[in-house]
Structure formats: structure tokens, C-alpha cells
Amino acid sequence: MTRGSRGLCGLYLLVAAWLAWCTFATFGDVYTWVTLINAAASLVLIIAVIRETVIRDERRTVGRLVEEATRRTAWEGEPLPADGDPLDEEEQAAFGEIAEHFDDRSAA
């Protein structure tokens, strides 16, 4: 989770706690609909924290999948999708030599 997301989650939780406190403090002294709106607003903020953590998990998953795909492509000897440009013959040959070196080491 990024610093911004952590700060946002902290802010969400502080505001949710404040709204929950307001809900309990005003219970019975104000109209029922006001109490219900305060309770619903605090729940919306808790849902926002959950959404931030889901986004964090999705970012980690996508990063891991990209890394695995890059490794798989590298070991198959295909050009890596760096900037959208395929590797030229010299780069491909150098990469193939490195891959063979690691294949030889893993076989031993």
C-alpha cells in the first residue's frame, strides 16, 4: 500500500470513528433519520478502507503476474516486451547465451 493510500485509510478511519461517536452521542436526542444517516456515513467510510486494501491486493497480483510473464518469456528465448520494441539480433544472442549459462548451471 502506498503512503497516500495509508494516509487516506487513516483519514477514513478517523472520520468513521468520529461519525460513530456522533451517532451514539446524539442517539435519542435527535430525529431517528439523523442517527441513521450518521451510522450509514460511518459504514461508507469503512467500505472505502476495504476498497483501498482490495486495490492494493490487485496491484500486487498484477505486478506478480507481469514479473512471471517476463521471466517465462525470458527463459523461452523470446524478446522481452520492454518498451514495445523487440530485441535486435545482437541483444537476442546475448540474452540466449545468458539463458544457456543458467540452464547449464541448473542441470548440474
PDB file of N, CA and C in Angstrom:
ATOM      1  N   MET A   1       0.852  -1.166   0.000  1.00  0.00           N
ATOM      2  CA  MET A   1       0.000   0.000   0.000  1.00  0.00           C
ATOM      3  C   MET A   1       0.903   1.236   0.000  1.00  0.00           C
ATOM      4  N   THR A   2       0.557   2.196  -0.797  1.00  0.00           N
ATOM      5  CA  THR A   2       1.363   3.405  -0.879  1.00  0.00           C
ATOM      6  C   THR A   2       1.122   4.297   0.335  1.00  0.00           C
ATOM      7  N   ARG A   3       2.012   5.271   0.514  1.00  0.00           N
ATOM      8  CA  ARG A   3       1.837   6.203   1.643  1.00  0.00           C
ATOM      9  C   ARG A   3       0.525   6.958   1.539  1.00  0.00           C
ATOM     10  N   GLY A   4       0.192   7.354   0.329  1.00  0.00           N
ATOM     11  CA  GLY A   4      -1.062   8.077   0.129  1.00  0.00           C
ATOM     12  C   GLY A   4      -2.269   7.239   0.506  1.00  0.00           C
ATOM     13  N   SER A   5      -2.231   5.960   0.131  1.00  0.00           N
ATOM     14  CA  SER A   5      -3.341   5.065   0.471  1.00  0.00           C
ATOM     15  C   SER A   5      -3.435   4.851   1.977  1.00  0.00           C
ATOM     16  N   ARG A   6      -2.253   4.710   2.619  1.00  0.00           N
ATOM     17  CA  ARG A   6      -2.264   4.544   4.077  1.00  0.00           C
ATOM     18  C   ARG A   6      -2.825   5.778   4.760  1.00  0.00           C
ATOM     19  N   GLY A   7      -2.401   6.942   4.292  1.00  0.00           N
ATOM     20  CA  GLY A   7      -2.920   8.190   4.866  1.00  0.00           C
ATOM     21  C   GLY A   7      -4.417   8.331   4.651  1.00  0.00           C
ATOM     22  N   LEU A   8      -4.858   7.963   3.448  1.00  0.00           N
ATOM     23  CA  LEU A   8      -6.282   8.030   3.146  1.00  0.00           C
ATOM     24  C   LEU A   8      -7.077   7.068   4.008  1.00  0.00           C
ATOM     25  N   CYS A   9      -6.544   5.856   4.195  1.00  0.00           N
ATOM     26  CA  CYS A   9      -7.224   4.886   5.059  1.00  0.00           C
ATOM     27  C   CYS A   9      -7.280   5.388   6.498  1.00  0.00           C
ATOM     28  N   GLY A  10      -6.190   5.978   6.967  1.00  0.00           N
ATOM     29  CA  GLY A  10      -6.192   6.537   8.321  1.00  0.00           C
ATOM     30  C   GLY A  10      -7.229   7.637   8.471  1.00  0.00           C
ATOM     31  N   LEU A  11      -7.309   8.500   7.471  1.00  0.00           N
ATOM     32  CA  LEU A  11      -8.303   9.569   7.495  1.00  0.00           C
ATOM     33  C   LEU A  11      -9.716   9.006   7.466  1.00  0.00           C
ATOM     34  N   TYR A  12      -9.940   7.997   6.609  1.00  0.00           N
ATOM     35  CA  TYR A  12     -11.256   7.344   6.565  1.00  0.00           C
ATOM     36  C   TYR A  12     -11.633   6.793   7.936  1.00  0.00           C
ATOM     37  N   LEU A  13     -10.686   6.119   8.587  1.00  0.00           N
ATOM     38  CA  LEU A  13     -10.982   5.506   9.877  1.00  0.00           C
ATOM     39  C   LEU A  13     -11.234   6.555  10.956  1.00  0.00           C
ATOM     40  N   LEU A  14     -10.477   7.655  10.936  1.00  0.00           N
ATOM     41  CA  LEU A  14     -10.711   8.724  11.908  1.00  0.00           C
ATOM     42  C   LEU A  14     -12.090   9.348  11.732  1.00  0.00           C
ATOM     43  N   VAL A  15     -12.457   9.624  10.501  1.00  0.00           N
ATOM     44  CA  VAL A  15     -13.774  10.228  10.242  1.00  0.00           C
ATOM     45  C   VAL A  15     -14.879   9.228  10.581  1.00  0.00           C
ATOM     46  N   ALA A  16     -14.668   7.952  10.286  1.00  0.00           N
ATOM     47  CA  ALA A  16     -15.673   6.937  10.627  1.00  0.00           C
ATOM     48  C   ALA A  16     -15.840   6.839  12.141  1.00  0.00           C
ATOM     49  N   ALA A  17     -14.737   6.900  12.879  1.00  0.00           N
ATOM     50  CA  ALA A  17     -14.825   6.851  14.347  1.00  0.00           C
ATOM     51  C   ALA A  17     -15.548   8.084  14.883  1.00  0.00           C
ATOM     52  N   TRP A  18     -15.255   9.242  14.294  1.00  0.00           N
ATOM     53  CA  TRP A  18     -15.922  10.470  14.733  1.00  0.00           C
ATOM     54  C   TRP A  18     -17.422  10.401  14.447  1.00  0.00           C
ATOM     55  N   LEU A  19     -17.789   9.915  13.271  1.00  0.00           N
ATOM     56  CA  LEU A  19     -19.213   9.791  12.946  1.00  0.00           C
ATOM     57  C   LEU A  19     -19.900   8.768  13.849  1.00  0.00           C
ATOM     58  N   ALA A  20     -19.205   7.675  14.172  1.00  0.00           N
ATOM     59  CA  ALA A  20     -19.787   6.684  15.081  1.00  0.00           C
ATOM     60  C   ALA A  20     -20.002   7.295  16.469  1.00  0.00           C
ATOM     61  N   TRP A  21     -19.017   8.077  16.921  1.00  0.00           N
ATOM     62  CA  TRP A  21     -19.169   8.742  18.215  1.00  0.00           C
ATOM     63  C   TRP A  21     -20.357   9.714  18.182  1.00  0.00           C
ATOM     64  N   CYS A  22     -20.476  10.479  17.104  1.00  0.00           N
ATOM     65  CA  CYS A  22     -21.614  11.405  16.965  1.00  0.00           C
ATOM     66  C   CYS A  22     -22.932  10.658  16.947  1.00  0.00           C
ATOM     67  N   THR A  23     -22.945   9.496  16.316  1.00  0.00           N
ATOM     68  CA  THR A  23     -24.171   8.693  16.256  1.00  0.00           C
ATOM     69  C   THR A  23     -24.599   8.275  17.650  1.00  0.00           C
ATOM     70  N   PHE A  24     -23.655   7.769  18.441  1.00  0.00           N
ATOM     71  CA  PHE A  24     -24.008   7.332  19.789  1.00  0.00           C
ATOM     72  C   PHE A  24     -24.285   8.505  20.726  1.00  0.00           C
ATOM     73  N   ALA A  25     -23.581   9.601  20.531  1.00  0.00           N
ATOM     74  CA  ALA A  25     -23.768  10.759  21.411  1.00  0.00           C
ATOM     75  C   ALA A  25     -25.126  11.422  21.206  1.00  0.00           C
ATOM     76  N   THR A  26     -25.626  11.369  19.979  1.00  0.00           N
ATOM     77  CA  THR A  26     -26.893  12.048  19.691  1.00  0.00           C
ATOM     78  C   THR A  26     -28.076  11.095  19.658  1.00  0.00           C
ATOM     79  N   PHE A  27     -27.830   9.809  19.910  1.00  0.00           N
ATOM     80  CA  PHE A  27     -28.920   8.827  19.868  1.00  0.00           C
ATOM     81  C   PHE A  27     -30.006   9.175  20.893  1.00  0.00           C
ATOM     82  N   GLY A  28     -31.217   9.320  20.416  1.00  0.00           N
ATOM     83  CA  GLY A  28     -32.342   9.646  21.282  1.00  0.00           C
ATOM     84  C   GLY A  28     -32.580  11.137  21.433  1.00  0.00           C
ATOM     85  N   ASP A  29     -31.594  11.986  21.134  1.00  0.00           N
ATOM     86  CA  ASP A  29     -31.754  13.429  21.273  1.00  0.00           C
ATOM     87  C   ASP A  29     -32.171  14.102  19.964  1.00  0.00           C
ATOM     88  N   VAL A  30     -31.974  13.415  18.860  1.00  0.00           N
ATOM     89  CA  VAL A  30     -32.312  13.980  17.544  1.00  0.00           C
ATOM     90  C   VAL A  30     -33.257  13.024  16.835  1.00  0.00           C
ATOM     91  N   TYR A  31     -33.694  13.438  15.658  1.00  0.00           N
ATOM     92  CA  TYR A  31     -34.572  12.577  14.876  1.00  0.00           C
ATOM     93  C   TYR A  31     -33.862  11.266  14.536  1.00  0.00           C
ATOM     94  N   THR A  32     -34.631  10.221  14.399  1.00  0.00           N
ATOM     95  CA  THR A  32     -34.071   8.903  14.104  1.00  0.00           C
ATOM     96  C   THR A  32     -33.337   8.893  12.766  1.00  0.00           C
ATOM     97  N   TRP A  33     -33.867   9.627  11.788  1.00  0.00           N
ATOM     98  CA  TRP A  33     -33.236   9.619  10.463  1.00  0.00           C
ATOM     99  C   TRP A  33     -31.837  10.239  10.514  1.00  0.00           C
ATOM    100  N   VAL A  34     -31.612  11.191  11.422  1.00  0.00           N
ATOM    101  CA  VAL A  34     -30.276  11.783  11.556  1.00  0.00           C
ATOM    102  C   VAL A  34     -29.300  10.742  12.088  1.00  0.00           C
ATOM    103  N   THR A  35     -29.735   9.970  13.064  1.00  0.00           N
ATOM    104  CA  THR A  35     -28.893   8.911  13.620  1.00  0.00           C
ATOM    105  C   THR A  35     -28.579   7.860  12.561  1.00  0.00           C
ATOM    106  N   LEU A  36     -29.573   7.502  11.760  1.00  0.00           N
ATOM    107  CA  LEU A  36     -29.358   6.505  10.717  1.00  0.00           C
ATOM    108  C   LEU A  36     -28.402   7.011   9.640  1.00  0.00           C
ATOM    109  N   ILE A  37     -28.494   8.285   9.292  1.00  0.00           N
ATOM    110  CA  ILE A  37     -27.589   8.850   8.292  1.00  0.00           C
ATOM    111  C   ILE A  37     -26.149   8.858   8.823  1.00  0.00           C
ATOM    112  N   ASN A  38     -25.970   9.214  10.087  1.00  0.00           N
ATOM    113  CA  ASN A  38     -24.625   9.176  10.676  1.00  0.00           C
ATOM    114  C   ASN A  38     -24.061   7.751  10.661  1.00  0.00           C
ATOM    115  N   ALA A  39     -24.882   6.783  11.014  1.00  0.00           N
ATOM    116  CA  ALA A  39     -24.434   5.390  11.022  1.00  0.00           C
ATOM    117  C   ALA A  39     -24.071   4.930   9.608  1.00  0.00           C
ATOM    118  N   ALA A  40     -24.907   5.273   8.642  1.00  0.00           N
ATOM    119  CA  ALA A  40     -24.634   4.884   7.251  1.00  0.00           C
ATOM    120  C   ALA A  40     -23.366   5.557   6.733  1.00  0.00           C
ATOM    121  N   ALA A  41     -23.157   6.809   7.085  1.00  0.00           N
ATOM    122  CA  ALA A  41     -21.961   7.525   6.630  1.00  0.00           C
ATOM    123  C   ALA A  41     -20.701   6.890   7.198  1.00  0.00           C
ATOM    124  N   SER A  42     -20.743   6.448   8.444  1.00  0.00           N
ATOM    125  CA  SER A  42     -19.556   5.804   9.006  1.00  0.00           C
ATOM    126  C   SER A  42     -19.305   4.456   8.345  1.00  0.00           C
ATOM    127  N   LEU A  43     -20.351   3.747   7.947  1.00  0.00           N
ATOM    128  CA  LEU A  43     -20.167   2.477   7.246  1.00  0.00           C
ATOM    129  C   LEU A  43     -19.596   2.682   5.848  1.00  0.00           C
ATOM    130  N   VAL A  44     -19.987   3.760   5.196  1.00  0.00           N
ATOM    131  CA  VAL A  44     -19.448   4.050   3.860  1.00  0.00           C
ATOM    132  C   VAL A  44     -17.936   4.236   3.938  1.00  0.00           C
ATOM    133  N   LEU A  45     -17.453   4.865   4.972  1.00  0.00           N
ATOM    134  CA  LEU A  45     -16.016   5.067   5.116  1.00  0.00           C
ATOM    135  C   LEU A  45     -15.275   3.759   5.385  1.00  0.00           C
ATOM    136  N   ILE A  46     -15.896   2.856   6.114  1.00  0.00           N
ATOM    137  CA  ILE A  46     -15.292   1.544   6.337  1.00  0.00           C
ATOM    138  C   ILE A  46     -15.210   0.789   5.008  1.00  0.00           C
ATOM    139  N   ILE A  47     -16.237   0.899   4.183  1.00  0.00           N
ATOM    140  CA  ILE A  47     -16.220   0.279   2.852  1.00  0.00           C
ATOM    141  C   ILE A  47     -15.103   0.881   2.011  1.00  0.00           C
ATOM    142  N   ALA A  48     -14.847   2.162   2.134  1.00  0.00           N
ATOM    143  CA  ALA A  48     -13.760   2.810   1.385  1.00  0.00           C
ATOM    144  C   ALA A  48     -12.407   2.244   1.802  1.00  0.00           C
ATOM    145  N   VAL A  49     -12.211   1.964   3.078  1.00  0.00           N
ATOM    146  CA  VAL A  49     -10.952   1.356   3.540  1.00  0.00           C
ATOM    147  C   VAL A  49     -10.795  -0.033   2.931  1.00  0.00           C
ATOM    148  N   ILE A  50     -11.868  -0.795   2.908  1.00  0.00           N
ATOM    149  CA  ILE A  50     -11.822  -2.129   2.309  1.00  0.00           C
ATOM    150  C   ILE A  50     -11.479  -2.020   0.820  1.00  0.00           C
ATOM    151  N   ARG A  51     -12.049  -1.043   0.129  1.00  0.00           N
ATOM    152  CA  ARG A  51     -11.772  -0.841  -1.292  1.00  0.00           C
ATOM    153  C   ARG A  51     -10.298  -0.525  -1.514  1.00  0.00           C
ATOM    154  N   GLU A  52      -9.710   0.290  -0.659  1.00  0.00           N
ATOM    155  CA  GLU A  52      -8.288   0.617  -0.786  1.00  0.00           C
ATOM    156  C   GLU A  52      -7.420  -0.628  -0.622  1.00  0.00           C
ATOM    157  N   THR A  53      -7.785  -1.497   0.312  1.00  0.00           N
ATOM    158  CA  THR A  53      -6.992  -2.707   0.501  1.00  0.00           C
ATOM    159  C   THR A  53      -7.165  -3.669  -0.666  1.00  0.00           C
ATOM    160  N   VAL A  54      -8.352  -3.709  -1.273  1.00  0.00           N
ATOM    161  CA  VAL A  54      -8.560  -4.550  -2.452  1.00  0.00           C
ATOM    162  C   VAL A  54      -7.723  -4.036  -3.616  1.00  0.00           C
ATOM    163  N   ILE A  55      -7.664  -2.718  -3.786  1.00  0.00           N
ATOM    164  CA  ILE A  55      -6.838  -2.134  -4.842  1.00  0.00           C
ATOM    165  C   ILE A  55      -5.373  -2.500  -4.615  1.00  0.00           C
ATOM    166  N   ARG A  56      -4.921  -2.451  -3.368  1.00  0.00           N
ATOM    167  CA  ARG A  56      -3.537  -2.837  -3.052  1.00  0.00           C
ATOM    168  C   ARG A  56      -3.276  -4.282  -3.448  1.00  0.00           C
ATOM    169  N   ASP A  57      -4.204  -5.175  -3.106  1.00  0.00           N
ATOM    170  CA  ASP A  57      -4.028  -6.582  -3.444  1.00  0.00           C
ATOM    171  C   ASP A  57      -4.011  -6.804  -4.951  1.00  0.00           C
ATOM    172  N   GLU A  58      -4.862  -6.068  -5.676  1.00  0.00           N
ATOM    173  CA  GLU A  58      -4.883  -6.203  -7.131  1.00  0.00           C
ATOM    174  C   GLU A  58      -3.570  -5.717  -7.746  1.00  0.00           C
ATOM    175  N   ARG A  59      -3.026  -4.624  -7.220  1.00  0.00           N
ATOM    176  CA  ARG A  59      -1.743  -4.133  -7.727  1.00  0.00           C
ATOM    177  C   ARG A  59      -0.636  -5.147  -7.505  1.00  0.00           C
ATOM    178  N   ARG A  60      -0.614  -5.773  -6.336  1.00  0.00           N
ATOM    179  CA  ARG A  60       0.395  -6.797  -6.060  1.00  0.00           C
ATOM    180  C   ARG A  60       0.239  -7.977  -7.008  1.00  0.00           C
ATOM    181  N   THR A  61      -1.005  -8.405  -7.228  1.00  0.00           N
ATOM    182  CA  THR A  61      -1.255  -9.544  -8.102  1.00  0.00           C
ATOM    183  C   THR A  61      -0.824  -9.245  -9.528  1.00  0.00           C
ATOM    184  N   VAL A  62      -1.179  -8.074 -10.026  1.00  0.00           N
ATOM    185  CA  VAL A  62      -0.802  -7.700 -11.387  1.00  0.00           C
ATOM    186  C   VAL A  62       0.718  -7.617 -11.505  1.00  0.00           C
ATOM    187  N   GLY A  63       1.378  -7.043 -10.525  1.00  0.00           N
ATOM    188  CA  GLY A  63       2.835  -6.963 -10.544  1.00  0.00           C
ATOM    189  C   GLY A  63       3.479  -8.337 -10.569  1.00  0.00           C
ATOM    190  N   ARG A  64       2.941  -9.257  -9.759  1.00  0.00           N
ATOM    191  CA  ARG A  64       3.477 -10.610  -9.728  1.00  0.00           C
ATOM    192  C   ARG A  64       3.251 -11.316 -11.070  1.00  0.00           C
ATOM    193  N   LEU A  65       2.070 -11.144 -11.666  1.00  0.00           N
ATOM    194  CA  LEU A  65       1.780 -11.780 -12.948  1.00  0.00           C
ATOM    195  C   LEU A  65       2.676 -11.232 -14.060  1.00  0.00           C
ATOM    196  N   VAL A  66       2.910  -9.922 -14.046  1.00  0.00           N
ATOM    197  CA  VAL A  66       3.800  -9.330 -15.055  1.00  0.00           C
ATOM    198  C   VAL A  66       5.211  -9.867 -14.886  1.00  0.00           C
ATOM    199  N   GLU A  67       5.664  -9.971 -13.642  1.00  0.00           N
ATOM    200  CA  GLU A  67       7.010 -10.497 -13.395  1.00  0.00           C
ATOM    201  C   GLU A  67       7.125 -11.948 -13.858  1.00  0.00           C
ATOM    202  N   GLU A  68       6.116 -12.767 -13.564  1.00  0.00           N
ATOM    203  CA  GLU A  68       6.144 -14.160 -14.000  1.00  0.00           C
ATOM    204  C   GLU A  68       6.128 -14.268 -15.520  1.00  0.00           C
ATOM    205  N   ALA A  69       5.309 -13.443 -16.168  1.00  0.00           N
ATOM    206  CA  ALA A  69       5.252 -13.474 -17.631  1.00  0.00           C
ATOM    207  C   ALA A  69       6.581 -13.040 -18.234  1.00  0.00           C
ATOM    208  N   THR A  70       7.217 -12.051 -17.622  1.00  0.00           N
ATOM    209  CA  THR A  70       8.515 -11.587 -18.111  1.00  0.00           C
ATOM    210  C   THR A  70       9.564 -12.679 -17.961  1.00  0.00           C
ATOM    211  N   ARG A  71       9.568 -13.356 -16.825  1.00  0.00           N
ATOM    212  CA  ARG A  71      10.526 -14.446 -16.624  1.00  0.00           C
ATOM    213  C   ARG A  71      10.279 -15.586 -17.594  1.00  0.00           C
ATOM    214  N   ARG A  72       9.002 -15.944 -17.777  1.00  0.00           N
ATOM    215  CA  ARG A  72       8.667 -17.038 -18.689  1.00  0.00           C
ATOM    216  C   ARG A  72       9.108 -16.686 -20.106  1.00  0.00           C
ATOM    217  N   THR A  73       8.850 -15.465 -20.527  1.00  0.00           N
ATOM    218  CA  THR A  73       9.254 -15.022 -21.859  1.00  0.00           C
ATOM    219  C   THR A  73      10.766 -15.042 -21.976  1.00  0.00           C
ATOM    220  N   ALA A  74      11.456 -14.631 -20.921  1.00  0.00           N
ATOM    221  CA  ALA A  74      12.918 -14.587 -20.954  1.00  0.00           C
ATOM    222  C   ALA A  74      13.495 -15.984 -21.107  1.00  0.00           C
ATOM    223  N   TRP A  75      12.951 -16.956 -20.399  1.00  0.00           N
ATOM    224  CA  TRP A  75      13.517 -18.306 -20.468  1.00  0.00           C
ATOM    225  C   TRP A  75      13.150 -19.018 -21.762  1.00  0.00           C
ATOM    226  N   GLU A  76      12.087 -18.601 -22.410  1.00  0.00           N
ATOM    227  CA  GLU A  76      11.721 -19.210 -23.677  1.00  0.00           C
ATOM    228  C   GLU A  76      12.536 -18.639 -24.830  1.00  0.00           C
ATOM    229  N   GLY A  77      13.314 -17.594 -24.561  1.00  0.00           N
ATOM    230  CA  GLY A  77      14.163 -17.021 -25.582  1.00  0.00           C
ATOM    231  C   GLY A  77      13.441 -16.041 -26.486  1.00  0.00           C
ATOM    232  N   GLU A  78      12.242 -15.661 -26.126  1.00  0.00           N
ATOM    233  CA  GLU A  78      11.505 -14.683 -26.922  1.00  0.00           C
ATOM    234  C   GLU A  78      11.900 -13.281 -26.472  1.00  0.00           C
ATOM    235  N   PRO A  79      11.721 -12.301 -27.332  1.00  0.00           N
ATOM    236  CA  PRO A  79      12.077 -10.941 -26.933  1.00  0.00           C
ATOM    237  C   PRO A  79      11.201 -10.432 -25.789  1.00  0.00           C
ATOM    238  N   LEU A  80      11.812  -9.672 -24.913  1.00  0.00           N
ATOM    239  CA  LEU A  80      11.085  -9.098 -23.787  1.00  0.00           C
ATOM    240  C   LEU A  80      10.305  -7.868 -24.224  1.00  0.00           C
ATOM    241  N   PRO A  81       9.116  -7.682 -23.693  1.00  0.00           N
ATOM    242  CA  PRO A  81       8.323  -6.504 -24.050  1.00  0.00           C
ATOM    243  C   PRO A  81       8.725  -5.298 -23.216  1.00  0.00           C
ATOM    244  N   ALA A  82       9.917  -4.762 -23.409  1.00  0.00           N
ATOM    245  CA  ALA A  82      10.416  -3.662 -22.592  1.00  0.00           C
ATOM    246  C   ALA A  82       9.671  -2.372 -22.917  1.00  0.00           C
ATOM    247  N   ASP A  83       9.991  -1.784 -24.036  1.00  0.00           N
ATOM    248  CA  ASP A  83       9.334  -0.547 -24.434  1.00  0.00           C
ATOM    249  C   ASP A  83       8.463  -0.769 -25.659  1.00  0.00           C
ATOM    250  N   GLY A  84       8.111  -1.990 -25.932  1.00  0.00           N
ATOM    251  CA  GLY A  84       7.338  -2.299 -27.103  1.00  0.00           C
ATOM    252  C   GLY A  84       8.214  -2.621 -28.298  1.00  0.00           C
ATOM    253  N   ASP A  85       9.536  -2.413 -28.176  1.00  0.00           N
ATOM    254  CA  ASP A  85      10.453  -2.718 -29.266  1.00  0.00           C
ATOM    255  C   ASP A  85      11.030  -4.111 -29.047  1.00  0.00           C
ATOM    256  N   PRO A  86      10.974  -4.978 -30.051  1.00  0.00           N
ATOM    257  CA  PRO A  86      11.591  -6.289 -29.882  1.00  0.00           C
ATOM    258  C   PRO A  86      13.111  -6.169 -29.826  1.00  0.00           C
ATOM    259  N   LEU A  87      13.747  -7.174 -29.259  1.00  0.00           N
ATOM    260  CA  LEU A  87      15.200  -7.182 -29.172  1.00  0.00           C
ATOM    261  C   LEU A  87      15.803  -7.382 -30.562  1.00  0.00           C
ATOM    262  N   ASP A  88      16.912  -6.692 -30.817  1.00  0.00           N
ATOM    263  CA  ASP A  88      17.580  -6.918 -32.095  1.00  0.00           C
ATOM    264  C   ASP A  88      18.386  -8.215 -32.002  1.00  0.00           C
ATOM    265  N   GLU A  89      19.011  -8.617 -33.103  1.00  0.00           N
ATOM    266  CA  GLU A  89      19.697  -9.913 -33.161  1.00  0.00           C
ATOM    267  C   GLU A  89      20.842 -10.005 -32.157  1.00  0.00           C
ATOM    268  N   GLU A  90      21.581  -8.921 -31.999  1.00  0.00           N
ATOM    269  CA  GLU A  90      22.711  -8.930 -31.062  1.00  0.00           C
ATOM    270  C   GLU A  90      22.222  -9.099 -29.624  1.00  0.00           C
ATOM    271  N   GLU A  91      21.191  -8.359 -29.265  1.00  0.00           N
ATOM    272  CA  GLU A  91      20.645  -8.473 -27.912  1.00  0.00           C
ATOM    273  C   GLU A  91      20.054  -9.861 -27.685  1.00  0.00           C
ATOM    274  N   GLN A  92      19.380 -10.384 -28.705  1.00  0.00           N
ATOM    275  CA  GLN A  92      18.787 -11.715 -28.588  1.00  0.00           C
ATOM    276  C   GLN A  92      19.871 -12.775 -28.395  1.00  0.00           C
ATOM    277  N   ALA A  93      20.983 -12.650 -29.125  1.00  0.00           N
ATOM    278  CA  ALA A  93      22.080 -13.610 -28.994  1.00  0.00           C
ATOM    279  C   ALA A  93      22.692 -13.534 -27.595  1.00  0.00           C
ATOM    280  N   ALA A  94      22.917 -12.333 -27.102  1.00  0.00           N
ATOM    281  CA  ALA A  94      23.484 -12.167 -25.759  1.00  0.00           C
ATOM    282  C   ALA A  94      22.540 -12.731 -24.713  1.00  0.00           C
ATOM    283  N   PHE A  95      21.279 -12.493 -24.890  1.00  0.00           N
ATOM    284  CA  PHE A  95      20.292 -12.996 -23.940  1.00  0.00           C
ATOM    285  C   PHE A  95      20.243 -14.520 -23.984  1.00  0.00           C
ATOM    286  N   GLY A  96      20.346 -15.094 -25.191  1.00  0.00           N
ATOM    287  CA  GLY A  96      20.355 -16.549 -25.331  1.00  0.00           C
ATOM    288  C   GLY A  96      21.547 -17.177 -24.637  1.00  0.00           C
ATOM    289  N   GLU A  97      22.719 -16.534 -24.735  1.00  0.00           N
ATOM    290  CA  GLU A  97      23.908 -17.044 -24.055  1.00  0.00           C
ATOM    291  C   GLU A  97      23.727 -17.047 -22.542  1.00  0.00           C
ATOM    292  N   ILE A  98      23.158 -15.987 -22.045  1.00  0.00           N
ATOM    293  CA  ILE A  98      22.913 -15.917 -20.593  1.00  0.00           C
ATOM    294  C   ILE A  98      21.943 -17.013 -20.174  1.00  0.00           C
ATOM    295  N   ALA A  99      20.891 -17.204 -20.949  1.00  0.00           N
ATOM    296  CA  ALA A  99      19.898 -18.228 -20.622  1.00  0.00           C
ATOM    297  C   ALA A  99      20.526 -19.612 -20.655  1.00  0.00           C
ATOM    298  N   GLU A 100      21.391 -19.887 -21.642  1.00  0.00           N
ATOM    299  CA  GLU A 100      22.067 -21.181 -21.718  1.00  0.00           C
ATOM    300  C   GLU A 100      22.993 -21.382 -20.520  1.00  0.00           C
ATOM    301  N   HIS A 101      23.657 -20.318 -20.099  1.00  0.00           N
ATOM    302  CA  HIS A 101      24.542 -20.407 -18.940  1.00  0.00           C
ATOM    303  C   HIS A 101      23.746 -20.842 -17.703  1.00  0.00           C
ATOM    304  N   PHE A 102      22.566 -20.237 -17.517  1.00  0.00           N
ATOM    305  CA  PHE A 102      21.761 -20.599 -16.344  1.00  0.00           C
ATOM    306  C   PHE A 102      21.154 -21.982 -16.507  1.00  0.00           C
ATOM    307  N   ASP A 103      20.831 -22.395 -17.738  1.00  0.00           N
ATOM    308  CA  ASP A 103      20.325 -23.742 -17.959  1.00  0.00           C
ATOM    309  C   ASP A 103      21.390 -24.770 -17.619  1.00  0.00           C
ATOM    310  N   ASP A 104      22.658 -24.488 -18.005  1.00  0.00           N
ATOM    311  CA  ASP A 104      23.769 -25.391 -17.701  1.00  0.00           C
ATOM    312  C   ASP A 104      23.990 -25.508 -16.201  1.00  0.00           C
ATOM    313  N   ARG A 105      23.868 -24.385 -15.488  1.00  0.00           N
ATOM    314  CA  ARG A 105      24.084 -24.393 -14.034  1.00  0.00           C
ATOM    315  C   ARG A 105      22.983 -25.146 -13.323  1.00  0.00           C
ATOM    316  N   SER A 106      21.752 -25.030 -13.810  1.00  0.00           N
ATOM    317  CA  SER A 106      20.644 -25.711 -13.137  1.00  0.00           C
ATOM    318  C   SER A 106      20.653 -27.212 -13.414  1.00  0.00           C
ATOM    319  N   ALA A 107      21.250 -27.624 -14.557  1.00  0.00           N
ATOM    320  CA  ALA A 107      21.325 -29.042 -14.878  1.00  0.00           C
ATOM    321  C   ALA A 107      22.378 -29.753 -14.046  1.00  0.00           C
ATOM    322  N   ALA A 108      23.378 -29.023 -13.577  1.00  0.00           N
ATOM    323  CA  ALA A 108      24.484 -29.638 -12.823  1.00  0.00           C
ATOM    324  C   ALA A 108      24.103 -29.960 -11.406  1.00  0.00           C
TER     325      ALA A 108
END
